[in-house]
Amino acid sequence: MLLSGGNAAIYRRPGLGAIPVNGLGPSVMAIAWRKDDHRGVIRDFVDAATAVAQDPPPR
C-alpha cells in the first residue's frame, strides 16, 4: 500500500511498517462507489471530493 507520509501515523499498527519512497511524482486519486449505494454520506463525500478536484485549495 502506498500512502502519503503525513498519513503514516494514522495507519500505524503492530506488525505494519512504513518505509519512505523518494522520487515519485504527484499521484492521481480515484474514487469509486457502488452504483446502487445511495447513502447520503457517500454522496456528500463524492460531492466534496469533486469540488476540491475542480478547484484545489492553495498549497
N, C-alpha and C. Protein backbone atom coordinates (compact mmCIF):
# COMPACT_ATOMS: atom_id res chain seq x y z
N MET A 1 0.85 -1.16 0.00
CA MET A 1 0.00 0.00 0.00
C MET A 1 0.90 1.23 0.00
N LEU A 2 0.62 2.18 -0.85
CA LEU A 2 1.29 3.47 -0.82
C LEU A 2 0.37 4.48 -0.17
N LEU A 3 0.93 5.30 0.70
CA LEU A 3 0.16 6.37 1.32
C LEU A 3 1.07 7.56 1.54
N SER A 4 0.49 8.71 1.70
CA SER A 4 1.30 9.91 1.90
C SER A 4 2.00 9.84 3.25
N GLY A 5 3.18 10.46 3.33
CA GLY A 5 3.95 10.45 4.56
C GLY A 5 3.17 10.97 5.75
N GLY A 6 2.31 11.96 5.50
CA GLY A 6 1.52 12.54 6.58
C GLY A 6 0.50 11.58 7.16
N ASN A 7 0.16 10.53 6.41
CA ASN A 7 -0.83 9.56 6.89
C ASN A 7 -0.22 8.33 7.52
N ALA A 8 1.11 8.21 7.50
CA ALA A 8 1.76 7.01 8.02
C ALA A 8 1.38 6.75 9.48
N ALA A 9 1.32 7.79 10.30
CA ALA A 9 0.99 7.60 11.72
C ALA A 9 -0.45 7.12 11.92
N ILE A 10 -1.34 7.52 11.06
CA ILE A 10 -2.75 7.12 11.18
C ILE A 10 -2.90 5.61 11.02
N TYR A 11 -2.10 5.03 10.13
CA TYR A 11 -2.22 3.60 9.83
C TYR A 11 -1.23 2.74 10.60
N ARG A 12 -0.57 3.30 11.59
CA ARG A 12 0.40 2.55 12.39
C ARG A 12 -0.32 1.44 13.17
N ARG A 13 0.14 0.22 12.99
CA ARG A 13 -0.42 -0.95 13.68
C ARG A 13 0.73 -1.88 14.02
N PRO A 14 0.56 -2.74 15.02
CA PRO A 14 1.58 -3.74 15.30
C PRO A 14 1.82 -4.61 14.06
N GLY A 15 3.07 -4.80 13.71
CA GLY A 15 3.41 -5.65 12.56
C GLY A 15 3.32 -4.95 11.22
N LEU A 16 2.97 -3.67 11.20
CA LEU A 16 2.85 -2.92 9.96
C LEU A 16 3.84 -1.77 10.01
N GLY A 17 4.64 -1.62 8.98
CA GLY A 17 5.64 -0.56 8.96
C GLY A 17 5.47 0.34 7.76
N ALA A 18 6.07 1.50 7.84
CA ALA A 18 6.03 2.45 6.73
C ALA A 18 7.47 2.74 6.32
N ILE A 19 7.75 2.65 5.04
CA ILE A 19 9.08 2.90 4.50
C ILE A 19 8.97 4.05 3.52
N PRO A 20 9.72 5.13 3.73
CA PRO A 20 9.66 6.26 2.81
C PRO A 20 10.11 5.86 1.39
N VAL A 21 9.42 6.37 0.40
CA VAL A 21 9.77 6.17 -1.00
C VAL A 21 10.00 7.55 -1.59
N ASN A 22 11.20 7.78 -2.10
CA ASN A 22 11.54 9.08 -2.68
C ASN A 22 11.52 9.02 -4.19
N GLY A 23 11.37 10.19 -4.80
CA GLY A 23 11.47 10.29 -6.25
C GLY A 23 10.19 10.03 -7.01
N LEU A 24 9.07 9.91 -6.34
CA LEU A 24 7.80 9.72 -7.04
C LEU A 24 7.17 11.07 -7.35
N GLY A 25 6.56 11.16 -8.49
CA GLY A 25 5.85 12.37 -8.85
C GLY A 25 4.48 12.41 -8.19
N PRO A 26 3.71 13.46 -8.47
CA PRO A 26 2.36 13.54 -7.92
C PRO A 26 1.53 12.34 -8.34
N SER A 27 0.61 11.95 -7.49
CA SER A 27 -0.23 10.80 -7.80
C SER A 27 -1.65 11.24 -8.16
N VAL A 28 -2.39 10.32 -8.69
CA VAL A 28 -3.79 10.55 -9.06
C VAL A 28 -4.65 9.74 -8.11
N MET A 29 -5.68 10.35 -7.59
CA MET A 29 -6.59 9.65 -6.70
C MET A 29 -7.89 9.37 -7.44
N ALA A 30 -8.39 8.18 -7.30
CA ALA A 30 -9.66 7.81 -7.92
C ALA A 30 -10.64 7.45 -6.81
N ILE A 31 -11.89 7.78 -7.02
CA ILE A 31 -12.94 7.45 -6.07
C ILE A 31 -13.95 6.57 -6.80
N ALA A 32 -14.30 5.47 -6.19
CA ALA A 32 -15.28 4.57 -6.78
C ALA A 32 -16.29 4.18 -5.71
N TRP A 33 -17.51 3.98 -6.11
CA TRP A 33 -18.55 3.55 -5.18
C TRP A 33 -19.56 2.74 -5.98
N ARG A 34 -20.30 1.93 -5.25
CA ARG A 34 -21.30 1.08 -5.90
C ARG A 34 -22.42 1.93 -6.51
N LYS A 35 -22.82 1.57 -7.69
CA LYS A 35 -23.88 2.28 -8.40
C LYS A 35 -25.18 2.34 -7.60
N ASP A 36 -25.45 1.29 -6.82
CA ASP A 36 -26.71 1.23 -6.07
C ASP A 36 -26.57 1.75 -4.63
N ASP A 37 -25.44 2.38 -4.30
CA ASP A 37 -25.23 2.91 -2.95
C ASP A 37 -25.68 4.37 -2.91
N HIS A 38 -26.82 4.61 -2.32
CA HIS A 38 -27.42 5.94 -2.31
C HIS A 38 -27.35 6.61 -0.93
N ARG A 39 -26.44 6.12 -0.07
CA ARG A 39 -26.32 6.74 1.25
C ARG A 39 -25.88 8.19 1.12
N GLY A 40 -26.46 9.04 1.94
CA GLY A 40 -26.14 10.46 1.91
C GLY A 40 -24.68 10.75 2.18
N VAL A 41 -24.06 10.00 3.08
CA VAL A 41 -22.66 10.23 3.42
C VAL A 41 -21.76 9.97 2.21
N ILE A 42 -22.10 9.00 1.39
CA ILE A 42 -21.33 8.71 0.18
C ILE A 42 -21.48 9.87 -0.81
N ARG A 43 -22.71 10.30 -1.01
CA ARG A 43 -22.95 11.41 -1.94
C ARG A 43 -22.24 12.68 -1.46
N ASP A 44 -22.28 12.94 -0.16
CA ASP A 44 -21.60 14.12 0.39
C ASP A 44 -20.11 14.06 0.13
N PHE A 45 -19.50 12.88 0.36
CA PHE A 45 -18.07 12.73 0.13
C PHE A 45 -17.72 12.93 -1.34
N VAL A 46 -18.48 12.30 -2.22
CA VAL A 46 -18.22 12.43 -3.66
C VAL A 46 -18.37 13.89 -4.10
N ASP A 47 -19.40 14.56 -3.61
CA ASP A 47 -19.59 15.98 -3.96
C ASP A 47 -18.42 16.84 -3.46
N ALA A 48 -17.97 16.59 -2.23
CA ALA A 48 -16.86 17.37 -1.67
C ALA A 48 -15.57 17.09 -2.43
N ALA A 49 -15.29 15.83 -2.72
CA ALA A 49 -14.07 15.47 -3.44
C ALA A 49 -14.09 16.04 -4.85
N THR A 50 -15.23 16.01 -5.49
CA THR A 50 -15.35 16.57 -6.84
C THR A 50 -15.12 18.08 -6.82
N ALA A 51 -15.67 18.76 -5.83
CA ALA A 51 -15.49 20.21 -5.72
C ALA A 51 -14.02 20.56 -5.51
N VAL A 52 -13.32 19.81 -4.66
CA VAL A 52 -11.90 20.08 -4.41
C VAL A 52 -11.07 19.78 -5.66
N ALA A 53 -11.42 18.72 -6.38
CA ALA A 53 -10.68 18.36 -7.59
C ALA A 53 -10.83 19.44 -8.66
N GLN A 54 -11.98 20.06 -8.72
CA GLN A 54 -12.22 21.10 -9.72
C GLN A 54 -11.58 22.43 -9.33
N ASP A 55 -11.45 22.68 -8.03
CA ASP A 55 -10.86 23.93 -7.55
C ASP A 55 -10.01 23.63 -6.33
N PRO A 56 -8.81 23.04 -6.54
CA PRO A 56 -8.00 22.63 -5.39
C PRO A 56 -7.59 23.81 -4.52
N PRO A 57 -7.50 23.58 -3.21
CA PRO A 57 -7.09 24.64 -2.31
C PRO A 57 -5.62 25.02 -2.57
N PRO A 58 -5.25 26.27 -2.27
CA PRO A 58 -3.85 26.66 -2.47
C PRO A 58 -2.93 25.90 -1.53
N ARG A 59 -1.69 25.66 -1.97
CA ARG A 59 -0.71 24.94 -1.14
C ARG A 59 0.20 25.92 -0.47
